[in-house]
Every structure is written in structure tokens, then in C-alpha cells.
Amino acid sequence: MEDLNRRDFIKGVIGAGISLVAADGRASINANVPKIENPYDAKGLPLTELGSTGVQIPKIVTGLGSRFCHIDDDEEACEMLHYTLDNGLYYWDTAHIYDNSIGLPPGKEKSPRHIISEVRVGEVVKYRRREIFLSTKVTEREPKDAMKQIELSLKRLNTDKLDMLKIHDVQSIEDVDRMSRKGHLIDILHKLKEEGVTRFIGFSGHGDAQALKEMANRGNFDSMLIAMNHWNPKQPSRREEIAMPAGKKNKMGILLMKAVRPKETIPGLNVPDLIRYAMSLKGPDAVVIGMDSIAVVDSNLEILRNFKKLSAKRMKELAVQLEPFYKHENLPWMHDNYIDGLWQNASV
């Protein structure tokens, strides 16, 4: 009955034409959650607390974006998902927009079939929902379209309750202003949290660091997911130096992404070093790593089980190697029209 009520609530909001209004004193909606016993099985993996949510998560999150969607064989993809849970990687990160329809990640072959991340994930969720910390993202900004997208995400994922719902790809101050209007996307996420459709809310972004900072200060969110280190050519400052402190000040959980992309263009770098570098940075709770095979999962498990923070000397060495990559003007997510999961502008 509880699940039915959640579904009826979502459908009712869509039918009403979106008349959501933020409650007075929004901080009470997003009050600190008392620390509770971890309901997930980490299989002995080291854990960290996600901001002030009270939830313990592994420091590596299973990313189920473009690379996952380019596993051509459904059985292989399903086997990998079960394998992550069986080995303690229970935080799964997906998005409504993640599929294989546009472009190719480096080193992947195009499948003739349309593969949607949420649909694949849902095939495992329907059997193992309680074992998964499930996160997805909404892309649409118009309230009615956003609610339809969220409803479809729930159907695809075979669930009536999310653990984390994020606004996907915050791009600019103008974007933040638009989402902050009365009854628009930020209000919608808070209302869905109030109604129990999602336990926590957050946002992701690759672009303007000041916009991500403003989002953290304005929206009273539980978490943020930001691209690691990347400079914006129009505003030469790193996101981790601007957005991350705002998130920390607001007691948000902070996740990093795009940690391994430099390997495609910088000779001599290896993936374990890049992941260890991201995990050694001061501030982030965890790193989202795209996974597309059991071998990749095993590699990440080995890194996590044996992780020790890199020395200051090694961090400096890697930072010097990475600087040209992060300043490269042709990175797809350095452009204003980039949306995470779409590769049409990729040149690396």
C-alpha cells in the first residue's frame, strides 16, 4: 500500500499540472538524519559516511553510464551487476538519460540495439532492491516534463522508492535560477523527499564552478556529484576549490566523477593511480567509477581493499601530469552544450 501511495502521489502531481510549493523552513525537510546501523552488506569493504545522511558507503561507487550501456550482452551486464553486490559495491549510480544511443566512449563498439541503463539496472533491482543504495538523475527542467521523467525512471528501475534522486548536469547560474523558481525542480525534489519517493536529494555537474557553488548554497541538498579537477576555460578555477567547500559547509556528501578519463590521452598514466589520486584528495567522500566488466569490478575492489592515501609527493607528481589534460579546450564537458552521457562532442 505504501508503494502504491507513492506512485499515486507522482501521478497526481503530474495530473495537477505541477503546483508544488516549497514548505516554509525548508531546513526542516532536510534535517540531519540520525546515524543508523548500515542496512547494506559491504562484504568487509572500507566505508565512509556520505555527508550528514547517516549512510555508510564504499569509497568507490558503481557508475552505470556510457561504458556500462556499451556492454552489448545483457546477460554479461546482469552478471556484472550481481557481482558488484556480491562483493560489497552496493551504491549504484545511474541516470534517466544514460543509454548507448549517442556516440561511443573511447575503445567501445556501437551496438545495433538500444540499451538503457535504468532498464538493465531494473532487472536486478526487482530481485535485490533492499541490497542496493539506488541513485538516479532527472535531466528535464520544466516541472511537468521532469515529473514524467521521474515516473518513467521508477518504472524502469522496478521500484517505488529511490535512495538518492539528483538533478542532472547543473550548467550555469541561469540554470540554477530557473530551477529555483517557486514550484520548479528544486521544490519538486524536496516534495518528493517529503513524500518518501526518495530518501535523499542532490545534483551533479561538470561545468561552471560558481553555479555548482550556488546550487550547494541555495538548494539544501544531501549530496553533490562533480567532475574532478576540470578547469573551465572561461573561469580558470577548479571545481574542487570552489564547489567542494560549499558542499562541505552545507554538510553534503561529495562524490567525484571523470577520474579515469585522462588515461585516454596522457601516456604513462594507469587507471589504479588515477583512482587512488581521486580517493586521496581532501574533501570527497567517494569516487564514481564507470564499470563495464567483472574484470574492471575486480580491479576496483583490489584498489579499495588495499587503499592507502598517496603521499604528498606522489599527489604532486600526478597533479603535474594531469594539468595539461584538465586544461584541454577540446574536452567535451568543457563546452556549454555538454550533457553527461552524450559523447557527440568528444574528441578524446
Protein backbone atom coordinates (compact mmCIF):
# COMPACT_ATOMS: atom_id res chain seq x y z
CA MET A 1 0.00 0.00 0.00
CA GLU A 2 2.87 2.38 0.82
CA ASP A 3 4.44 1.81 -2.60
CA LEU A 4 1.07 2.33 -4.30
CA ASN A 5 0.61 5.62 -2.46
CA ARG A 6 3.98 6.85 -3.71
CA ARG A 7 3.08 6.01 -7.30
CA ASP A 8 -0.34 7.65 -6.90
CA PHE A 9 1.35 10.76 -5.49
CA ILE A 10 3.61 11.10 -8.52
CA LYS A 11 0.77 10.59 -10.97
CA GLY A 12 -1.36 13.05 -9.05
CA VAL A 13 1.29 15.73 -9.21
CA ILE A 14 1.60 15.28 -12.98
CA GLY A 15 -2.16 15.40 -13.44
CA ALA A 16 -2.40 18.54 -11.33
CA GLY A 17 -0.02 20.36 -13.65
CA ILE A 18 2.73 20.70 -11.01
CA SER A 19 1.55 23.03 -8.27
CA LEU A 20 4.33 22.24 -5.81
CA VAL A 21 5.36 24.98 -3.41
CA ALA A 22 8.37 24.79 -1.11
CA ALA A 23 7.44 24.37 2.52
CA ASP A 24 8.33 27.17 4.93
CA GLY A 25 11.56 26.44 6.73
CA ARG A 26 12.97 24.06 4.16
CA ALA A 27 15.78 23.13 6.51
CA SER A 28 13.28 21.06 8.47
CA ILE A 29 12.69 18.95 5.36
CA ASN A 30 16.37 18.23 5.06
CA ALA A 31 17.12 17.89 8.76
CA ASN A 32 20.15 15.92 9.84
CA VAL A 33 19.45 12.20 9.73
CA PRO A 34 20.50 10.28 12.84
CA LYS A 35 23.23 7.75 12.29
CA ILE A 36 21.75 4.29 11.87
CA GLU A 37 23.12 0.81 11.53
CA ASN A 38 24.21 0.22 7.95
CA PRO A 39 21.49 -1.93 6.28
CA TYR A 40 23.75 -2.86 3.35
CA ASP A 41 26.34 -5.62 3.16
CA ALA A 42 29.74 -4.16 2.31
CA LYS A 43 31.42 -7.60 2.44
CA GLY A 44 34.21 -6.12 4.55
CA LEU A 45 34.99 -3.19 2.21
CA PRO A 46 36.13 0.03 3.92
CA LEU A 47 33.28 2.51 4.26
CA THR A 48 32.81 6.25 4.61
CA GLU A 49 29.82 8.33 5.66
CA LEU A 50 28.00 10.17 2.86
CA GLY A 51 27.92 13.71 4.21
CA SER A 52 25.39 14.03 7.02
CA THR A 53 22.97 11.42 5.65
CA GLY A 54 23.96 8.82 8.23
CA VAL A 55 24.51 6.33 5.39
CA GLN A 56 27.78 4.43 5.12
CA ILE A 57 29.00 3.79 1.57
CA PRO A 58 32.09 2.26 -0.08
CA LYS A 59 34.61 4.86 -1.26
CA ILE A 60 34.11 3.56 -4.82
CA VAL A 61 30.62 3.88 -6.34
CA THR A 62 29.44 1.74 -9.25
CA GLY A 63 28.98 4.05 -12.23
CA LEU A 64 26.40 2.75 -14.72
CA GLY A 65 26.65 5.29 -17.51
CA SER A 66 28.01 5.18 -21.04
CA ARG A 67 30.53 2.37 -20.61
CA PHE A 68 28.01 0.15 -18.85
CA CYS A 69 25.50 0.82 -21.64
CA HIS A 70 28.02 -0.36 -24.21
CA ILE A 71 28.20 -3.87 -22.79
CA ASP A 72 26.41 -5.50 -25.70
CA ASP A 73 25.38 -8.71 -23.96
CA ASP A 74 22.51 -8.31 -21.47
CA GLU A 75 23.45 -11.46 -19.57
CA GLU A 76 27.02 -10.21 -19.16
CA ALA A 77 25.77 -6.85 -17.89
CA CYS A 78 23.38 -8.53 -15.45
CA GLU A 79 26.14 -10.82 -14.20
CA MET A 80 28.36 -7.80 -13.56
CA LEU A 81 25.63 -6.07 -11.56
CA HIS A 82 25.08 -9.12 -9.36
CA TYR A 83 28.84 -9.40 -8.94
CA THR A 84 29.13 -5.85 -7.59
CA LEU A 85 26.52 -6.58 -4.93
CA ASP A 86 28.03 -9.95 -4.07
CA ASN A 87 31.32 -8.13 -3.40
CA GLY A 88 30.03 -5.13 -1.45
CA LEU A 89 29.70 -2.37 -4.08
CA TYR A 90 26.08 -1.52 -3.30
CA TYR A 91 25.95 2.18 -4.25
CA TRP A 92 24.74 2.24 -7.87
CA ASP A 93 24.73 5.49 -9.84
CA THR A 94 22.62 5.80 -12.98
CA ALA A 95 20.53 8.47 -14.74
CA HIS A 96 17.39 8.71 -16.86
CA ILE A 97 19.47 9.83 -19.83
CA TYR A 98 22.12 7.10 -19.72
CA ASP A 99 21.92 4.91 -22.82
CA ASN A 100 24.01 3.88 -25.83
CA SER A 101 22.17 5.90 -28.48
CA ILE A 102 24.60 8.76 -28.97
CA GLY A 103 28.31 8.39 -29.67
CA LEU A 104 30.83 5.97 -28.24
CA PRO A 105 33.12 6.02 -25.23
CA PRO A 106 36.76 5.51 -26.25
CA GLY A 107 37.53 1.87 -27.03
CA LYS A 108 33.89 0.76 -27.34
CA GLU A 109 31.97 -0.67 -30.30
CA LYS A 110 28.50 0.51 -31.27
CA SER A 111 25.70 -1.95 -30.57
CA PRO A 112 22.78 -2.12 -33.03
CA ARG A 113 20.40 -2.35 -30.06
CA HIS A 114 19.13 0.49 -27.89
CA ILE A 115 20.45 -0.18 -24.38
CA ILE A 116 19.08 1.88 -21.48
CA SER A 117 20.94 1.86 -18.17
CA GLU A 118 17.86 2.13 -15.94
CA VAL A 119 16.14 -0.74 -17.74
CA ARG A 120 19.15 -3.01 -17.24
CA VAL A 121 19.55 -1.96 -13.64
CA GLY A 122 15.86 -2.57 -13.02
CA GLU A 123 16.21 -6.22 -14.00
CA VAL A 124 18.41 -6.74 -10.93
CA VAL A 125 16.64 -4.23 -8.68
CA LYS A 126 13.37 -6.18 -8.85
CA TYR A 127 15.08 -9.12 -7.14
CA ARG A 128 17.63 -7.37 -4.87
CA ARG A 129 16.21 -3.91 -4.14
CA ARG A 130 16.93 -3.93 -0.41
CA GLU A 131 20.61 -4.63 -1.02
CA ILE A 132 21.16 -1.55 -3.21
CA PHE A 133 21.67 2.13 -2.46
CA LEU A 134 19.98 3.28 -5.67
CA SER A 135 20.64 6.68 -7.22
CA THR A 136 19.33 8.14 -10.47
CA LYS A 137 19.13 11.62 -12.01
CA VAL A 138 16.49 13.77 -13.69
CA THR A 139 17.51 15.85 -16.71
CA GLU A 140 14.38 17.83 -17.65
CA ARG A 141 13.99 21.30 -16.15
CA GLU A 142 10.31 22.00 -16.87
CA PRO A 143 8.28 20.69 -13.89
CA LYS A 144 5.76 18.59 -15.80
CA ASP A 145 8.41 17.03 -18.04
CA ALA A 146 10.67 16.37 -15.04
CA MET A 147 7.90 14.56 -13.17
CA LYS A 148 7.12 12.39 -16.18
CA GLN A 149 10.81 11.54 -16.43
CA ILE A 150 10.98 10.61 -12.75
CA GLU A 151 7.90 8.40 -13.05
CA LEU A 152 9.42 6.61 -16.04
CA SER A 153 12.69 6.15 -14.14
CA LEU A 154 10.83 4.47 -11.29
CA LYS A 155 9.06 2.14 -13.73
CA ARG A 156 12.30 1.26 -15.48
CA LEU A 157 14.04 0.63 -12.17
CA ASN A 158 11.21 -1.57 -10.85
CA THR A 159 10.91 0.40 -7.64
CA ASP A 160 8.67 2.98 -5.99
CA LYS A 161 11.40 4.45 -3.81
CA LEU A 162 14.85 5.81 -4.58
CA ASP A 163 17.69 6.26 -2.15
CA MET A 164 19.06 9.30 -3.99
CA LEU A 165 17.48 11.49 -6.68
CA LYS A 166 19.77 14.05 -8.29
CA ILE A 167 19.24 16.94 -10.67
CA HIS A 168 21.44 16.09 -13.63
CA ASP A 169 24.16 18.37 -15.01
CA VAL A 170 23.83 21.82 -13.45
CA GLN A 171 25.34 24.11 -16.08
CA SER A 172 25.11 27.80 -15.17
CA ILE A 173 23.79 30.43 -12.76
CA GLU A 174 20.88 30.89 -15.15
CA ASP A 175 20.17 27.17 -14.89
CA VAL A 176 20.20 27.40 -11.08
CA ASP A 177 17.89 30.42 -11.15
CA ARG A 178 15.45 28.58 -13.39
CA MET A 179 15.35 25.52 -11.14
CA SER A 180 14.94 27.74 -8.05
CA ARG A 181 11.63 29.26 -9.14
CA LYS A 182 8.64 28.53 -6.94
CA GLY A 183 7.22 25.13 -7.85
CA HIS A 184 10.12 24.22 -10.12
CA LEU A 185 12.73 21.47 -9.96
CA ILE A 186 14.34 22.16 -6.57
CA ASP A 187 10.91 22.40 -4.93
CA ILE A 188 9.86 19.21 -6.70
CA LEU A 189 12.80 17.23 -5.32
CA HIS A 190 12.10 18.46 -1.80
CA LYS A 191 8.45 17.50 -2.14
CA LEU A 192 9.38 14.03 -3.38
CA LYS A 193 11.67 13.67 -0.38
CA GLU A 194 8.88 14.72 1.96
CA GLU A 195 6.57 12.15 0.40
CA GLY A 196 9.14 9.36 0.71
CA VAL A 197 9.62 8.83 -3.02
CA THR A 198 13.34 9.40 -2.39
CA ARG A 199 15.32 9.29 0.83
CA PHE A 200 17.86 11.91 -0.25
CA ILE A 201 18.29 14.54 -2.97
CA GLY A 202 21.26 16.08 -4.75
CA PHE A 203 22.70 17.33 -8.03
CA SER A 204 25.51 16.68 -10.48
CA GLY A 205 27.60 18.98 -12.65
CA HIS A 206 30.64 19.32 -14.87
CA GLY A 207 30.57 23.00 -15.76
CA ASP A 208 30.58 26.40 -14.11
CA ALA A 209 32.10 26.04 -10.63
CA GLN A 210 30.27 29.13 -9.38
CA ALA A 211 26.94 27.63 -10.46
CA LEU A 212 27.71 24.44 -8.55
CA LYS A 213 28.64 26.52 -5.51
CA GLU A 214 25.40 28.48 -5.77
CA MET A 215 23.42 25.25 -6.10
CA ALA A 216 25.05 23.88 -2.95
CA ASN A 217 24.31 27.06 -1.01
CA ARG A 218 20.76 27.52 -2.28
CA GLY A 219 19.14 24.12 -2.60
CA ASN A 220 19.61 22.42 0.80
CA PHE A 221 20.71 19.16 -0.80
CA ASP A 222 22.12 15.96 0.66
CA SER A 223 24.85 15.36 -1.93
CA MET A 224 26.69 16.62 -5.00
CA LEU A 225 28.45 14.75 -7.80
CA ILE A 226 31.07 16.83 -9.63
CA ALA A 227 33.68 16.27 -12.31
CA MET A 228 37.13 16.06 -10.81
CA ASN A 229 39.54 18.97 -11.12
CA HIS A 230 38.44 20.27 -14.50
CA TRP A 231 39.12 23.89 -15.33
CA ASN A 232 36.53 25.98 -17.12
CA PRO A 233 38.26 27.95 -19.90
CA LYS A 234 36.06 30.97 -19.20
CA GLN A 235 36.68 30.81 -15.47
CA PRO A 236 40.12 29.30 -14.80
CA SER A 237 39.43 27.75 -11.41
CA ARG A 238 38.99 24.17 -10.34
CA ARG A 239 35.62 22.87 -9.24
CA GLU A 240 37.15 21.14 -6.26
CA GLU A 241 38.39 24.53 -5.00
CA ILE A 242 35.01 26.30 -5.34
CA ALA A 243 32.12 23.83 -5.34
CA MET A 244 33.50 21.32 -2.87
CA PRO A 245 33.97 23.74 0.07
CA ALA A 246 30.37 24.91 -0.40
CA GLY A 247 29.21 21.33 -0.25
CA LYS A 248 31.22 20.65 2.87
CA LYS A 249 29.93 23.82 4.54
CA ASN A 250 26.40 22.61 3.91
CA LYS A 251 27.21 19.10 5.22
CA MET A 252 26.60 17.50 1.85
CA GLY A 253 28.02 14.19 0.71
CA ILE A 254 30.52 14.79 -2.10
CA LEU A 255 31.22 12.38 -4.94
CA LEU A 256 33.77 12.82 -7.75
CA MET A 257 33.49 11.57 -11.33
CA LYS A 258 35.63 11.58 -14.51
CA ALA A 259 38.63 10.42 -12.51
CA VAL A 260 39.97 7.96 -15.10
CA ARG A 261 39.39 9.88 -18.33
CA PRO A 262 42.98 11.26 -18.52
CA LYS A 263 44.24 7.76 -19.35
CA GLU A 264 42.90 8.15 -22.89
CA THR A 265 45.27 11.00 -23.75
CA ILE A 266 48.23 11.06 -21.34
CA PRO A 267 50.90 8.37 -21.91
CA GLY A 268 52.19 6.65 -18.82
CA LEU A 269 49.11 7.02 -16.63
CA ASN A 270 47.33 3.94 -15.36
CA VAL A 271 43.82 3.62 -14.01
CA PRO A 272 44.70 2.49 -10.45
CA ASP A 273 46.90 5.57 -10.00
CA LEU A 274 44.12 7.86 -11.21
CA ILE A 275 41.57 6.28 -8.88
CA ARG A 276 43.96 6.42 -5.92
CA TYR A 277 44.65 10.07 -6.73
CA ALA A 278 40.92 10.89 -6.68
CA MET A 279 40.41 8.92 -3.47
CA SER A 280 43.34 10.70 -1.81
CA LEU A 281 42.00 14.21 -2.42
CA LYS A 282 40.84 16.01 0.69
CA GLY A 283 37.09 16.52 0.73
CA PRO A 284 35.31 13.88 -1.39
CA ASP A 285 33.53 11.03 0.35
CA ALA A 286 33.77 8.66 -2.63
CA VAL A 287 34.55 8.38 -6.34
CA VAL A 288 32.11 7.20 -9.03
CA ILE A 289 33.88 4.85 -11.45
CA GLY A 290 32.26 3.63 -14.65
CA MET A 291 32.25 -0.17 -14.71
CA ASP A 292 31.79 -2.35 -17.78
CA SER A 293 33.10 -5.81 -16.88
CA ILE A 294 33.77 -8.12 -13.95
CA ALA A 295 37.49 -7.59 -14.56
CA VAL A 296 37.02 -3.84 -14.02
CA VAL A 297 35.00 -4.52 -10.88
CA ASP A 298 37.77 -6.78 -9.57
CA SER A 299 40.39 -4.11 -10.25
CA ASN A 300 38.37 -1.53 -8.33
CA LEU A 301 37.79 -3.94 -5.47
CA GLU A 302 41.53 -4.54 -5.17
CA ILE A 303 42.19 -0.79 -5.08
CA LEU A 304 39.53 -0.27 -2.41
CA ARG A 305 40.51 -3.18 -0.19
CA ASN A 306 44.17 -2.16 -0.16
CA PHE A 307 43.75 1.60 -0.33
CA LYS A 308 46.18 3.91 1.41
CA LYS A 309 46.28 7.62 0.70
CA LEU A 310 49.03 8.63 -1.69
CA SER A 311 51.91 10.61 -0.31
CA ALA A 312 52.05 14.37 -0.83
CA LYS A 313 54.97 13.85 -3.20
CA ARG A 314 53.08 11.34 -5.36
CA MET A 315 49.97 13.54 -5.38
CA LYS A 316 52.05 16.45 -6.64
CA GLU A 317 53.64 14.30 -9.35
CA LEU A 318 50.25 13.17 -10.62
CA ALA A 319 48.82 16.69 -10.45
CA VAL A 320 51.61 17.92 -12.72
CA GLN A 321 50.91 15.12 -15.19
CA LEU A 322 47.17 15.81 -15.15
CA GLU A 323 47.25 19.58 -15.54
CA PRO A 324 47.50 19.64 -19.37
CA PHE A 325 44.56 17.26 -19.63
CA TYR A 326 42.31 19.30 -17.37
CA LYS A 327 43.11 22.49 -19.24
CA HIS A 328 42.49 20.93 -22.66
CA GLU A 329 39.91 23.03 -24.50
CA ASN A 330 38.57 20.08 -26.50
CA LEU A 331 37.27 18.13 -23.51
CA PRO A 332 33.56 17.59 -24.24
CA TRP A 333 32.41 18.62 -20.77
CA MET A 334 34.26 21.95 -21.10
CA HIS A 335 31.60 23.13 -23.57
CA ASP A 336 28.35 24.82 -22.59
CA ASN A 337 26.15 22.36 -24.51
CA TYR A 338 27.61 19.20 -22.94
CA ILE A 339 25.27 16.83 -21.09
CA ASP A 340 26.70 13.91 -19.17
CA GLY A 341 26.21 10.66 -21.06
CA LEU A 342 26.31 12.28 -24.50
CA TRP A 343 29.53 11.87 -26.46
CA GLN A 344 28.81 13.66 -29.70
CA ASN A 345 31.38 16.39 -28.95
CA ALA A 346 34.07 14.06 -27.70
CA SER A 347 37.42 14.38 -29.37
CA VAL A 348 39.43 12.33 -26.87
